[in-house]
N, C-alpha and C. Protein backbone atom coordinates (compact mmCIF):
# COMPACT_ATOMS: atom_id res chain seq x y z
N UNK A 1 -63.11 -9.31 27.67
CA UNK A 1 -61.95 -10.26 27.86
C UNK A 1 -60.73 -9.51 28.49
N UNK A 2 -60.40 -9.86 29.77
CA UNK A 2 -59.48 -9.17 30.46
C UNK A 2 -58.01 -9.58 30.08
N UNK A 3 -57.13 -8.57 30.08
CA UNK A 3 -55.82 -8.93 29.64
C UNK A 3 -54.89 -9.26 30.87
N UNK A 4 -55.26 -8.86 32.05
CA UNK A 4 -54.42 -9.06 33.21
C UNK A 4 -53.63 -7.76 33.59
N UNK A 5 -53.71 -6.80 32.76
CA UNK A 5 -53.08 -5.42 32.92
C UNK A 5 -53.97 -4.50 33.68
N UNK A 6 -53.38 -3.63 34.39
CA UNK A 6 -54.14 -2.62 35.41
C UNK A 6 -54.77 -1.57 34.44
N UNK A 7 -54.32 -1.27 33.29
CA UNK A 7 -54.79 -0.22 32.43
C UNK A 7 -55.16 -0.70 31.17
N UNK A 8 -55.89 0.10 30.40
CA UNK A 8 -56.24 -0.25 29.12
C UNK A 8 -57.68 -0.64 28.86
N UNK A 9 -57.96 -1.05 27.59
CA UNK A 9 -59.44 -1.19 27.30
C UNK A 9 -59.92 -2.43 27.98
N UNK A 10 -59.22 -3.52 28.02
CA UNK A 10 -59.57 -4.81 28.70
C UNK A 10 -58.80 -4.94 30.09
N UNK A 11 -58.96 -3.88 30.86
CA UNK A 11 -58.16 -4.06 32.12
C UNK A 11 -58.78 -5.00 33.14
N UNK A 12 -58.08 -5.65 33.95
CA UNK A 12 -58.54 -6.44 35.06
C UNK A 12 -57.98 -7.83 35.13
N UNK A 13 -58.39 -8.56 36.08
CA UNK A 13 -57.90 -9.96 36.28
C UNK A 13 -58.38 -10.87 35.11
N UNK A 14 -57.56 -11.80 34.66
CA UNK A 14 -57.96 -12.77 33.78
C UNK A 14 -58.83 -13.79 34.54
N UNK A 15 -60.11 -14.03 34.11
CA UNK A 15 -60.93 -14.84 34.66
C UNK A 15 -61.60 -15.76 33.64
N UNK A 16 -62.11 -16.93 33.95
CA UNK A 16 -62.83 -17.71 33.07
C UNK A 16 -64.29 -17.36 33.29
N UNK A 17 -64.97 -17.00 32.12
CA UNK A 17 -66.39 -16.65 32.27
C UNK A 17 -67.21 -17.90 32.44
N UNK A 18 -68.26 -17.83 33.37
CA UNK A 18 -69.22 -18.95 33.53
C UNK A 18 -70.46 -18.59 32.73
N UNK A 19 -70.88 -19.50 31.84
CA UNK A 19 -72.02 -19.32 31.09
C UNK A 19 -73.24 -19.31 31.92
N UNK A 20 -74.11 -18.36 31.84
CA UNK A 20 -75.28 -18.25 32.63
C UNK A 20 -76.47 -19.09 32.09
N UNK A 21 -77.25 -19.74 32.76
CA UNK A 21 -78.35 -20.57 32.18
C UNK A 21 -79.52 -19.56 31.94
N UNK A 22 -80.22 -19.84 30.93
CA UNK A 22 -81.27 -18.90 30.40
C UNK A 22 -82.50 -18.96 31.40
N UNK A 23 -82.98 -17.75 31.76
CA UNK A 23 -84.00 -17.71 32.63
C UNK A 23 -85.38 -17.63 31.85
N UNK A 24 -86.46 -18.16 32.52
CA UNK A 24 -87.71 -18.30 31.84
C UNK A 24 -88.21 -16.84 31.33
N UNK A 25 -87.74 -15.82 32.04
CA UNK A 25 -88.17 -14.45 31.58
C UNK A 25 -87.52 -14.07 30.19
N UNK A 26 -86.49 -14.75 29.89
CA UNK A 26 -85.86 -14.32 28.59
C UNK A 26 -86.60 -14.81 27.35
N UNK A 27 -87.60 -15.71 27.53
CA UNK A 27 -88.41 -16.13 26.44
C UNK A 27 -89.77 -15.40 26.45
N UNK A 28 -89.98 -14.44 27.25
CA UNK A 28 -91.23 -13.70 27.43
C UNK A 28 -91.55 -12.94 26.06
N UNK A 29 -92.77 -13.12 25.68
CA UNK A 29 -93.17 -12.45 24.41
C UNK A 29 -93.00 -13.42 23.20
N UNK A 30 -92.44 -14.53 23.31
CA UNK A 30 -92.25 -15.44 22.21
C UNK A 30 -93.54 -16.14 22.06
N UNK A 31 -93.80 -16.55 20.83
CA UNK A 31 -95.04 -17.25 20.48
C UNK A 31 -94.84 -18.85 20.68
N UNK A 32 -95.64 -19.38 21.55
CA UNK A 32 -95.53 -20.77 21.76
C UNK A 32 -96.39 -21.53 20.82
N UNK A 33 -96.17 -22.92 20.80
CA UNK A 33 -96.92 -23.73 19.83
C UNK A 33 -98.38 -23.72 20.08
N UNK A 34 -98.79 -23.87 21.36
CA UNK A 34 -100.20 -23.94 21.71
C UNK A 34 -100.97 -22.61 21.41
N UNK A 35 -100.34 -21.55 21.71
CA UNK A 35 -100.94 -20.24 21.52
C UNK A 35 -101.08 -20.09 19.95
N UNK A 36 -100.13 -20.37 19.21
CA UNK A 36 -100.11 -20.25 17.82
C UNK A 36 -101.27 -21.08 17.21
N UNK A 37 -101.42 -22.20 17.58
CA UNK A 37 -102.46 -23.10 17.18
C UNK A 37 -103.81 -22.49 17.51
N UNK A 38 -103.99 -22.03 18.82
CA UNK A 38 -105.26 -21.54 19.24
C UNK A 38 -105.65 -20.25 18.34
N UNK A 39 -104.65 -19.39 18.07
CA UNK A 39 -104.89 -18.20 17.31
C UNK A 39 -105.27 -18.58 15.87
N UNK A 40 -104.65 -19.55 15.34
CA UNK A 40 -105.02 -20.01 13.95
C UNK A 40 -106.37 -20.46 13.88
N UNK A 41 -106.74 -21.34 14.80
CA UNK A 41 -108.14 -21.83 14.93
C UNK A 41 -109.12 -20.68 15.01
N UNK A 42 -108.87 -19.79 15.82
CA UNK A 42 -109.79 -18.69 16.14
C UNK A 42 -109.96 -17.79 14.84
N UNK A 43 -108.81 -17.54 14.16
CA UNK A 43 -108.86 -16.73 12.95
C UNK A 43 -109.65 -17.56 11.96
N UNK A 44 -109.47 -18.80 11.80
CA UNK A 44 -110.33 -19.65 10.87
C UNK A 44 -111.79 -19.65 11.13
N UNK A 45 -112.14 -19.75 12.52
CA UNK A 45 -113.57 -19.80 12.77
C UNK A 45 -114.17 -18.47 12.69
N UNK A 46 -113.58 -17.47 13.36
CA UNK A 46 -114.23 -16.14 13.51
C UNK A 46 -113.99 -15.23 12.30
N UNK A 47 -112.82 -15.39 11.64
CA UNK A 47 -112.59 -14.51 10.47
C UNK A 47 -111.87 -13.27 10.88
N UNK A 48 -111.94 -12.21 10.14
CA UNK A 48 -111.29 -11.00 10.31
C UNK A 48 -112.37 -10.00 10.95
N UNK A 49 -111.76 -9.03 11.78
CA UNK A 49 -112.64 -8.00 12.42
C UNK A 49 -112.78 -6.87 11.31
N UNK A 50 -113.84 -6.10 11.55
CA UNK A 50 -114.27 -5.05 10.49
C UNK A 50 -113.06 -4.20 10.06
N UNK A 51 -112.20 -3.80 11.06
CA UNK A 51 -111.14 -2.89 10.68
C UNK A 51 -110.01 -3.63 9.91
N UNK A 52 -109.85 -4.97 10.18
CA UNK A 52 -108.97 -5.80 9.43
C UNK A 52 -109.53 -6.07 7.93
N UNK A 53 -110.75 -6.24 7.86
CA UNK A 53 -111.36 -6.40 6.57
C UNK A 53 -111.15 -5.07 5.67
N UNK A 54 -111.24 -3.93 6.44
CA UNK A 54 -110.89 -2.70 5.63
C UNK A 54 -109.51 -2.60 5.17
N UNK A 55 -108.56 -2.94 6.01
CA UNK A 55 -107.14 -3.03 5.64
C UNK A 55 -107.04 -3.99 4.53
N UNK A 56 -107.60 -5.18 4.50
CA UNK A 56 -107.50 -6.14 3.49
C UNK A 56 -108.01 -5.50 2.11
N UNK A 57 -109.16 -4.78 2.29
CA UNK A 57 -109.68 -4.05 1.05
C UNK A 57 -108.69 -3.09 0.47
N UNK A 58 -108.03 -2.27 1.38
CA UNK A 58 -107.00 -1.34 1.05
C UNK A 58 -105.90 -1.97 0.34
N UNK A 59 -105.51 -3.15 0.78
CA UNK A 59 -104.31 -3.95 0.18
C UNK A 59 -104.81 -4.36 -1.27
N UNK A 60 -106.07 -4.81 -1.35
CA UNK A 60 -106.55 -5.39 -2.67
C UNK A 60 -106.62 -4.22 -3.65
N UNK A 61 -107.14 -3.14 -3.30
CA UNK A 61 -107.23 -2.02 -4.25
C UNK A 61 -105.97 -1.34 -4.53
N UNK A 62 -105.09 -1.41 -3.56
CA UNK A 62 -103.63 -0.93 -3.72
C UNK A 62 -103.56 0.52 -3.96
N UNK A 63 -102.75 0.72 -4.94
CA UNK A 63 -102.54 2.32 -5.23
C UNK A 63 -101.00 2.65 -4.74
N UNK A 64 -100.63 3.81 -5.17
CA UNK A 64 -99.34 4.24 -4.97
C UNK A 64 -98.93 4.48 -3.42
N UNK A 65 -99.85 5.05 -2.67
CA UNK A 65 -99.67 5.32 -1.29
C UNK A 65 -100.46 4.42 -0.32
N UNK A 66 -100.75 3.20 -0.81
CA UNK A 66 -101.55 2.23 -0.05
C UNK A 66 -100.77 1.83 1.23
N UNK A 67 -99.45 1.60 1.16
CA UNK A 67 -98.73 1.08 2.31
C UNK A 67 -98.85 2.12 3.46
N UNK A 68 -98.63 3.38 3.10
CA UNK A 68 -98.63 4.47 4.10
C UNK A 68 -100.20 4.65 4.69
N UNK A 69 -101.06 4.62 3.89
CA UNK A 69 -102.44 4.78 4.31
C UNK A 69 -102.84 3.62 5.27
N UNK A 70 -102.44 2.50 4.91
CA UNK A 70 -102.73 1.31 5.70
C UNK A 70 -102.12 1.39 7.06
N UNK A 71 -100.80 1.83 7.05
CA UNK A 71 -100.12 1.95 8.25
C UNK A 71 -100.71 2.99 9.19
N UNK A 72 -101.12 4.15 8.49
CA UNK A 72 -101.70 5.18 9.33
C UNK A 72 -103.10 4.75 9.92
N UNK A 73 -103.74 4.13 9.11
CA UNK A 73 -105.14 3.56 9.60
C UNK A 73 -104.93 2.55 10.69
N UNK A 74 -103.96 1.66 10.55
CA UNK A 74 -103.85 0.63 11.61
C UNK A 74 -103.19 1.25 12.85
N UNK A 75 -102.34 2.24 12.77
CA UNK A 75 -101.74 2.91 13.85
C UNK A 75 -102.88 3.60 14.68
N UNK A 76 -103.80 4.17 13.99
CA UNK A 76 -104.86 4.94 14.69
C UNK A 76 -105.73 3.92 15.36
N UNK A 77 -105.93 2.74 14.87
CA UNK A 77 -106.77 1.76 15.49
C UNK A 77 -106.05 1.10 16.68
N UNK A 78 -104.74 0.82 16.38
CA UNK A 78 -104.00 -0.11 17.45
C UNK A 78 -103.07 0.69 18.42
N UNK A 79 -102.78 1.98 18.00
CA UNK A 79 -102.06 2.84 19.04
C UNK A 79 -100.60 2.82 18.98
N UNK A 80 -99.83 1.90 18.29
CA UNK A 80 -98.45 2.05 18.33
C UNK A 80 -97.91 1.69 16.93
N UNK A 81 -96.68 2.12 16.69
CA UNK A 81 -95.98 2.00 15.40
C UNK A 81 -95.84 0.51 15.16
N UNK A 82 -95.19 -0.22 16.08
CA UNK A 82 -94.84 -1.61 16.07
C UNK A 82 -95.96 -2.45 15.73
N UNK A 83 -97.18 -2.23 16.50
CA UNK A 83 -98.34 -3.04 16.35
C UNK A 83 -98.97 -2.78 14.91
N UNK A 84 -98.89 -1.45 14.44
CA UNK A 84 -99.50 -1.21 13.18
C UNK A 84 -98.73 -1.95 12.08
N UNK A 85 -97.42 -1.98 12.12
CA UNK A 85 -96.56 -2.54 11.10
C UNK A 85 -96.86 -4.00 11.17
N UNK A 86 -96.89 -4.68 12.35
CA UNK A 86 -97.13 -6.10 12.51
C UNK A 86 -98.46 -6.44 11.90
N UNK A 87 -99.54 -5.57 12.18
CA UNK A 87 -100.81 -5.96 11.68
C UNK A 87 -100.85 -5.82 10.12
N UNK A 88 -100.13 -4.87 9.63
CA UNK A 88 -100.17 -4.67 8.13
C UNK A 88 -99.55 -5.92 7.58
N UNK A 89 -98.36 -6.43 8.04
CA UNK A 89 -97.75 -7.53 7.49
C UNK A 89 -98.65 -8.82 7.77
N UNK A 90 -99.31 -8.86 8.78
CA UNK A 90 -100.28 -10.03 9.06
C UNK A 90 -101.37 -10.06 8.10
N UNK A 91 -101.97 -8.91 7.79
CA UNK A 91 -103.11 -8.95 6.93
C UNK A 91 -102.65 -9.20 5.44
N UNK A 92 -101.33 -8.73 5.13
CA UNK A 92 -100.74 -8.96 3.78
C UNK A 92 -100.56 -10.49 3.65
N UNK A 93 -100.19 -11.12 4.74
CA UNK A 93 -100.07 -12.60 4.69
C UNK A 93 -101.44 -13.31 4.51
N UNK A 94 -102.36 -12.71 5.11
CA UNK A 94 -103.76 -13.39 4.95
C UNK A 94 -104.27 -13.19 3.51
N UNK A 95 -103.93 -12.05 2.86
CA UNK A 95 -104.24 -11.72 1.44
C UNK A 95 -103.50 -12.76 0.54
N UNK A 96 -102.21 -13.09 0.82
CA UNK A 96 -101.43 -13.94 0.04
C UNK A 96 -101.97 -15.32 0.20
N UNK A 97 -102.44 -15.69 1.29
CA UNK A 97 -103.07 -17.09 1.64
C UNK A 97 -104.29 -17.28 0.76
N UNK A 98 -105.12 -16.21 0.82
CA UNK A 98 -106.42 -16.15 0.02
C UNK A 98 -106.10 -16.38 -1.45
N UNK A 99 -105.12 -15.63 -1.94
CA UNK A 99 -104.82 -15.63 -3.38
C UNK A 99 -104.28 -16.96 -3.76
N UNK A 100 -103.46 -17.63 -2.86
CA UNK A 100 -102.84 -18.94 -3.08
C UNK A 100 -104.00 -19.96 -3.16
N UNK A 101 -105.03 -19.85 -2.24
CA UNK A 101 -106.14 -20.74 -2.21
C UNK A 101 -107.02 -20.75 -3.48
N UNK A 102 -107.20 -19.40 -4.17
CA UNK A 102 -107.95 -19.30 -5.26
C UNK A 102 -107.21 -19.89 -6.56
N UNK A 103 -105.89 -19.82 -6.56
CA UNK A 103 -105.18 -20.18 -7.78
C UNK A 103 -104.97 -21.73 -7.79
């Protein structure tokens, strides 16, 4: 926000800002409805992969250091910190859904 003064924190001409329209690139990486539905159907039909089943088993057996072990295991398989944490949360959600279905 310009003050109209030559010096200072907000130096420069007073101008009215023009709001820029959002570009399609700004929604890159967001999950769309169609993709979400396709992934849900695929998960329902195919089920979990072997390493995901192992993570689910770790969650079920639990223990004090389960969170860290799950993270380390997932990171080794998936390659990055972000992906490992996302996968851990995803499989936790699958576990919660299974428990809700049983109850």
